[in-house]
Structures are given as C-alpha cells and as structure tokens.
Amino acid sequence: MKINLKNKHTGALEQAPTGFSWTCFFCGGFVPLIRAGDIGTFFLHAILSLLTLGIYHLFFCSGYNKKYIKHLIMQGFVPADEMATNFLQMNGMYMAPTN
C-alpha cells in the first residue's frame, strides 16, 4: 500500500510505500541512498549486514518504509488525503492539527 503526502511549503506530492520494503529486500542499502540521499544509512546498513551475516538486513527491510515516512514528515510533508491521515494516526506518526 502507498500513502500520499504533500509538502505544506512547496506543494510537492510524494507517494510513500508502507509496510515491508521489498525494494530494500532486493536492493539493500541502495534504497535509502537513492530515495533520500542518505549516505549514512547506506554505510550503516552495509556494515551491520556484514557483521550480522545478513540478519540485520531483514530487520532493515521491515522498518525502512516507516523510517522514510518519518523522514518526509520531518521535511514538511503532511497527509494529502483521508487514507494517509488515518494510516499515520493509527501508526502514531501524525497528529492532526486542532483548530
């Protein structure tokens, strides 16, 4: 499933995947490098995967999409529709502003 996020400053739209990251499963640490330009996560993934003989890779795949959504929220993205708002609230990543 993907959720739609919109940057409240620029109006840019982004579709963010949720759940287990199959892209990370097949492409490993290159995903954060390409999606977010996150060279630190790329090297951390490479080192920890080597040290744990690949076990860390499975944990990384299960949590990367959530980390990416949090990264987008920190950059000023907010839910673009009701489905995204509900998903983020259910997962504790977003509180709707009160008027």
N, C-alpha and C. Protein backbone atom coordinates (compact mmCIF):
# COMPACT_ATOMS: atom_id res chain seq x y z
N MET A 1 0.83 -1.16 0.00
CA MET A 1 0.00 0.00 0.00
C MET A 1 0.89 1.24 0.00
N LYS A 2 0.42 2.28 -0.63
CA LYS A 2 1.13 3.55 -0.65
C LYS A 2 0.22 4.63 -0.11
N ILE A 3 0.82 5.62 0.55
CA ILE A 3 0.05 6.76 1.02
C ILE A 3 0.56 8.01 0.32
N ASN A 4 -0.32 8.98 0.17
CA ASN A 4 0.02 10.23 -0.49
C ASN A 4 0.33 11.31 0.53
N LEU A 5 1.48 11.94 0.37
CA LEU A 5 1.90 13.02 1.24
C LEU A 5 2.14 14.26 0.40
N LYS A 6 1.86 15.42 1.00
CA LYS A 6 2.02 16.68 0.30
C LYS A 6 2.89 17.61 1.14
N ASN A 7 3.86 18.25 0.52
CA ASN A 7 4.71 19.19 1.23
C ASN A 7 3.93 20.48 1.46
N LYS A 8 3.80 20.87 2.73
CA LYS A 8 2.98 22.04 3.05
C LYS A 8 3.64 23.35 2.64
N HIS A 9 4.93 23.31 2.33
CA HIS A 9 5.64 24.53 1.92
C HIS A 9 5.70 24.70 0.41
N THR A 10 5.95 23.61 -0.29
CA THR A 10 6.13 23.69 -1.75
C THR A 10 4.97 23.13 -2.55
N GLY A 11 4.12 22.32 -1.91
CA GLY A 11 3.01 21.70 -2.62
C GLY A 11 3.39 20.43 -3.36
N ALA A 12 4.64 19.99 -3.23
CA ALA A 12 5.09 18.78 -3.91
C ALA A 12 4.37 17.56 -3.35
N LEU A 13 4.00 16.62 -4.22
CA LEU A 13 3.34 15.39 -3.82
C LEU A 13 4.33 14.24 -3.83
N GLU A 14 4.18 13.34 -2.88
CA GLU A 14 5.06 12.18 -2.78
C GLU A 14 4.22 10.98 -2.41
N GLN A 15 4.43 9.87 -3.10
CA GLN A 15 3.78 8.62 -2.73
C GLN A 15 4.79 7.81 -1.92
N ALA A 16 4.43 7.49 -0.69
CA ALA A 16 5.34 6.76 0.19
C ALA A 16 4.80 5.35 0.42
N PRO A 17 5.64 4.35 0.18
CA PRO A 17 5.20 2.97 0.42
C PRO A 17 5.13 2.69 1.92
N THR A 18 4.31 1.73 2.30
CA THR A 18 4.16 1.34 3.70
C THR A 18 4.45 -0.14 3.85
N GLY A 19 4.65 -0.58 5.08
CA GLY A 19 4.87 -2.00 5.36
C GLY A 19 6.27 -2.46 5.03
N PHE A 20 6.40 -3.76 4.77
CA PHE A 20 7.69 -4.36 4.46
C PHE A 20 8.21 -3.81 3.14
N SER A 21 9.48 -3.45 3.09
CA SER A 21 10.06 -2.88 1.88
C SER A 21 10.70 -3.98 1.02
N TRP A 22 9.96 -4.39 0.01
CA TRP A 22 10.51 -5.38 -0.92
C TRP A 22 11.63 -4.78 -1.75
N THR A 23 11.58 -3.48 -1.98
CA THR A 23 12.66 -2.82 -2.71
C THR A 23 13.96 -2.94 -1.93
N CYS A 24 13.89 -2.71 -0.61
CA CYS A 24 15.09 -2.86 0.23
C CYS A 24 15.54 -4.31 0.27
N PHE A 25 14.58 -5.24 0.27
CA PHE A 25 14.93 -6.65 0.32
C PHE A 25 15.80 -7.04 -0.87
N PHE A 26 15.45 -6.52 -2.06
CA PHE A 26 16.20 -6.89 -3.25
C PHE A 26 17.37 -5.96 -3.54
N CYS A 27 17.29 -4.70 -3.14
CA CYS A 27 18.35 -3.74 -3.47
C CYS A 27 19.18 -3.29 -2.28
N GLY A 28 18.80 -3.70 -1.09
CA GLY A 28 19.59 -3.43 0.11
C GLY A 28 19.72 -1.95 0.44
N GLY A 29 20.91 -1.57 0.86
CA GLY A 29 21.18 -0.21 1.31
C GLY A 29 21.18 0.83 0.22
N PHE A 30 21.05 0.41 -1.02
CA PHE A 30 20.99 1.40 -2.11
C PHE A 30 19.68 2.18 -2.10
N VAL A 31 18.64 1.63 -1.49
CA VAL A 31 17.34 2.29 -1.47
C VAL A 31 17.40 3.63 -0.72
N PRO A 32 17.91 3.68 0.52
CA PRO A 32 17.98 4.99 1.18
C PRO A 32 18.92 5.96 0.46
N LEU A 33 19.91 5.43 -0.18
CA LEU A 33 20.84 6.27 -0.93
C LEU A 33 20.14 6.93 -2.11
N ILE A 34 19.29 6.19 -2.80
CA ILE A 34 18.60 6.71 -3.98
C ILE A 34 17.37 7.53 -3.59
N ARG A 35 16.55 7.03 -2.65
CA ARG A 35 15.32 7.73 -2.27
C ARG A 35 15.58 9.05 -1.56
N ALA A 36 16.48 9.03 -0.58
CA ALA A 36 16.63 10.20 0.28
C ALA A 36 18.04 10.77 0.28
N GLY A 37 18.94 10.19 -0.49
CA GLY A 37 20.32 10.66 -0.49
C GLY A 37 21.01 10.44 0.85
N ASP A 38 20.58 9.41 1.56
CA ASP A 38 21.06 9.13 2.92
C ASP A 38 22.27 8.20 2.88
N ILE A 39 23.44 8.79 2.75
CA ILE A 39 24.67 8.00 2.65
C ILE A 39 25.02 7.33 3.98
N GLY A 40 24.63 7.96 5.09
CA GLY A 40 24.91 7.38 6.41
C GLY A 40 24.19 6.06 6.61
N THR A 41 22.91 6.02 6.24
CA THR A 41 22.13 4.78 6.37
C THR A 41 22.67 3.71 5.42
N PHE A 42 23.13 4.12 4.26
CA PHE A 42 23.72 3.18 3.31
C PHE A 42 24.92 2.46 3.94
N PHE A 43 25.85 3.23 4.52
CA PHE A 43 27.04 2.63 5.12
C PHE A 43 26.70 1.85 6.39
N LEU A 44 25.77 2.36 7.19
CA LEU A 44 25.36 1.64 8.40
C LEU A 44 24.75 0.29 8.03
N HIS A 45 23.90 0.28 7.01
CA HIS A 45 23.29 -0.97 6.55
C HIS A 45 24.37 -1.95 6.08
N ALA A 46 25.31 -1.46 5.31
CA ALA A 46 26.37 -2.34 4.79
C ALA A 46 27.19 -2.95 5.93
N ILE A 47 27.59 -2.14 6.89
CA ILE A 47 28.42 -2.63 8.00
C ILE A 47 27.66 -3.61 8.88
N LEU A 48 26.43 -3.22 9.27
CA LEU A 48 25.67 -4.11 10.16
C LEU A 48 25.24 -5.39 9.47
N SER A 49 24.97 -5.34 8.19
CA SER A 49 24.62 -6.57 7.47
C SER A 49 25.81 -7.51 7.39
N LEU A 50 26.99 -6.97 7.20
CA LEU A 50 28.19 -7.81 7.19
C LEU A 50 28.47 -8.41 8.56
N LEU A 51 28.36 -7.59 9.61
CA LEU A 51 28.65 -8.06 10.96
C LEU A 51 27.66 -9.12 11.45
N THR A 52 26.41 -9.03 11.01
CA THR A 52 25.39 -9.99 11.46
C THR A 52 25.11 -11.08 10.42
N LEU A 53 25.93 -11.16 9.42
CA LEU A 53 25.79 -12.14 8.35
C LEU A 53 24.42 -12.06 7.66
N GLY A 54 23.91 -10.85 7.51
CA GLY A 54 22.68 -10.63 6.77
C GLY A 54 21.41 -10.59 7.60
N ILE A 55 21.50 -10.90 8.88
CA ILE A 55 20.29 -10.90 9.72
C ILE A 55 19.74 -9.49 9.86
N TYR A 56 20.62 -8.50 10.01
CA TYR A 56 20.17 -7.10 10.13
C TYR A 56 19.37 -6.67 8.90
N HIS A 57 19.71 -7.22 7.76
CA HIS A 57 19.04 -6.85 6.52
C HIS A 57 17.52 -7.07 6.61
N LEU A 58 17.09 -8.16 7.23
CA LEU A 58 15.66 -8.45 7.37
C LEU A 58 14.96 -7.43 8.26
N PHE A 59 15.63 -7.04 9.35
CA PHE A 59 15.06 -6.01 10.23
C PHE A 59 15.01 -4.66 9.52
N PHE A 60 16.02 -4.38 8.75
CA PHE A 60 16.08 -3.13 7.99
C PHE A 60 14.92 -3.06 7.01
N CYS A 61 14.65 -4.14 6.30
CA CYS A 61 13.56 -4.18 5.32
C CYS A 61 12.20 -4.00 5.98
N SER A 62 12.04 -4.51 7.18
CA SER A 62 10.74 -4.42 7.84
C SER A 62 10.48 -3.02 8.40
N GLY A 63 11.50 -2.23 8.61
CA GLY A 63 11.30 -0.92 9.20
C GLY A 63 11.66 0.27 8.34
N TYR A 64 12.20 0.04 7.15
CA TYR A 64 12.68 1.17 6.36
C TYR A 64 11.57 2.09 5.87
N ASN A 65 10.46 1.57 5.40
CA ASN A 65 9.40 2.43 4.88
C ASN A 65 8.86 3.37 5.96
N LYS A 66 8.76 2.89 7.19
CA LYS A 66 8.33 3.75 8.30
C LYS A 66 9.36 4.85 8.53
N LYS A 67 10.63 4.49 8.47
CA LYS A 67 11.69 5.49 8.64
C LYS A 67 11.63 6.53 7.51
N TYR A 68 11.36 6.10 6.31
CA TYR A 68 11.28 7.02 5.17
C TYR A 68 10.09 7.98 5.32
N ILE A 69 8.95 7.47 5.80
CA ILE A 69 7.79 8.32 6.02
C ILE A 69 8.10 9.37 7.09
N LYS A 70 8.77 8.96 8.16
CA LYS A 70 9.15 9.91 9.21
C LYS A 70 10.10 10.97 8.65
N HIS A 71 10.99 10.56 7.76
CA HIS A 71 11.91 11.50 7.12
C HIS A 71 11.13 12.53 6.30
N LEU A 72 10.13 12.09 5.57
CA LEU A 72 9.31 13.02 4.78
C LEU A 72 8.52 13.98 5.68
N ILE A 73 7.99 13.47 6.77
CA ILE A 73 7.25 14.32 7.70
C ILE A 73 8.16 15.40 8.29
N MET A 74 9.38 15.03 8.60
CA MET A 74 10.34 16.00 9.13
C MET A 74 10.69 17.06 8.09
N GLN A 75 10.56 16.76 6.82
CA GLN A 75 10.82 17.71 5.75
C GLN A 75 9.62 18.61 5.46
N GLY A 76 8.52 18.42 6.17
CA GLY A 76 7.35 19.27 5.99
C GLY A 76 6.21 18.65 5.23
N PHE A 77 6.25 17.35 5.01
CA PHE A 77 5.15 16.67 4.32
C PHE A 77 4.03 16.36 5.31
N VAL A 78 2.81 16.49 4.85
CA VAL A 78 1.62 16.18 5.64
C VAL A 78 0.74 15.25 4.79
N PRO A 79 -0.21 14.55 5.43
CA PRO A 79 -1.10 13.67 4.65
C PRO A 79 -1.88 14.46 3.60
N ALA A 80 -1.97 13.89 2.42
CA ALA A 80 -2.66 14.55 1.31
C ALA A 80 -4.11 14.12 1.21
N ASP A 81 -4.48 13.05 1.89
CA ASP A 81 -5.86 12.57 1.82
C ASP A 81 -6.24 11.87 3.12
N GLU A 82 -7.50 11.48 3.21
CA GLU A 82 -8.04 10.86 4.42
C GLU A 82 -7.35 9.53 4.74
N MET A 83 -7.07 8.73 3.72
CA MET A 83 -6.43 7.44 3.93
C MET A 83 -5.05 7.61 4.56
N ALA A 84 -4.28 8.57 4.06
CA ALA A 84 -2.94 8.82 4.61
C ALA A 84 -3.03 9.31 6.05
N THR A 85 -3.99 10.18 6.33
CA THR A 85 -4.17 10.69 7.69
C THR A 85 -4.50 9.55 8.64
N ASN A 86 -5.43 8.70 8.26
CA ASN A 86 -5.81 7.56 9.10
C ASN A 86 -4.64 6.62 9.33
N PHE A 87 -3.89 6.30 8.28
CA PHE A 87 -2.76 5.39 8.40
C PHE A 87 -1.71 5.96 9.36
N LEU A 88 -1.36 7.22 9.18
CA LEU A 88 -0.33 7.83 10.02
C LEU A 88 -0.78 7.96 11.47
N GLN A 89 -2.05 8.26 11.69
CA GLN A 89 -2.56 8.35 13.06
C GLN A 89 -2.58 6.98 13.73
N MET A 90 -2.97 5.94 13.00
CA MET A 90 -3.00 4.58 13.56
C MET A 90 -1.62 4.10 13.92
N ASN A 91 -0.59 4.57 13.22
CA ASN A 91 0.77 4.15 13.47
C ASN A 91 1.56 5.14 14.34
N GLY A 92 0.86 6.13 14.87
CA GLY A 92 1.48 7.08 15.79
C GLY A 92 2.49 8.00 15.17
N MET A 93 2.36 8.29 13.88
CA MET A 93 3.33 9.14 13.20
C MET A 93 2.81 10.53 12.91
N TYR A 94 1.53 10.78 13.19
CA TYR A 94 0.95 12.08 12.84
C TYR A 94 -0.21 12.40 13.75
N MET A 95 -0.24 13.63 14.21
CA MET A 95 -1.37 14.13 14.99
C MET A 95 -2.02 15.24 14.18
N ALA A 96 -3.28 15.11 13.89
CA ALA A 96 -3.98 16.13 13.12
C ALA A 96 -4.03 17.44 13.92
N PRO A 97 -3.77 18.58 13.27
CA PRO A 97 -3.82 19.85 13.99
C PRO A 97 -5.24 20.17 14.44
N THR A 98 -5.35 20.72 15.62
CA THR A 98 -6.67 21.11 16.12
C THR A 98 -6.86 22.61 15.94
N ASN A 99 -8.04 23.01 15.60
CA ASN A 99 -8.31 24.43 15.36
C ASN A 99 -8.83 25.11 16.60
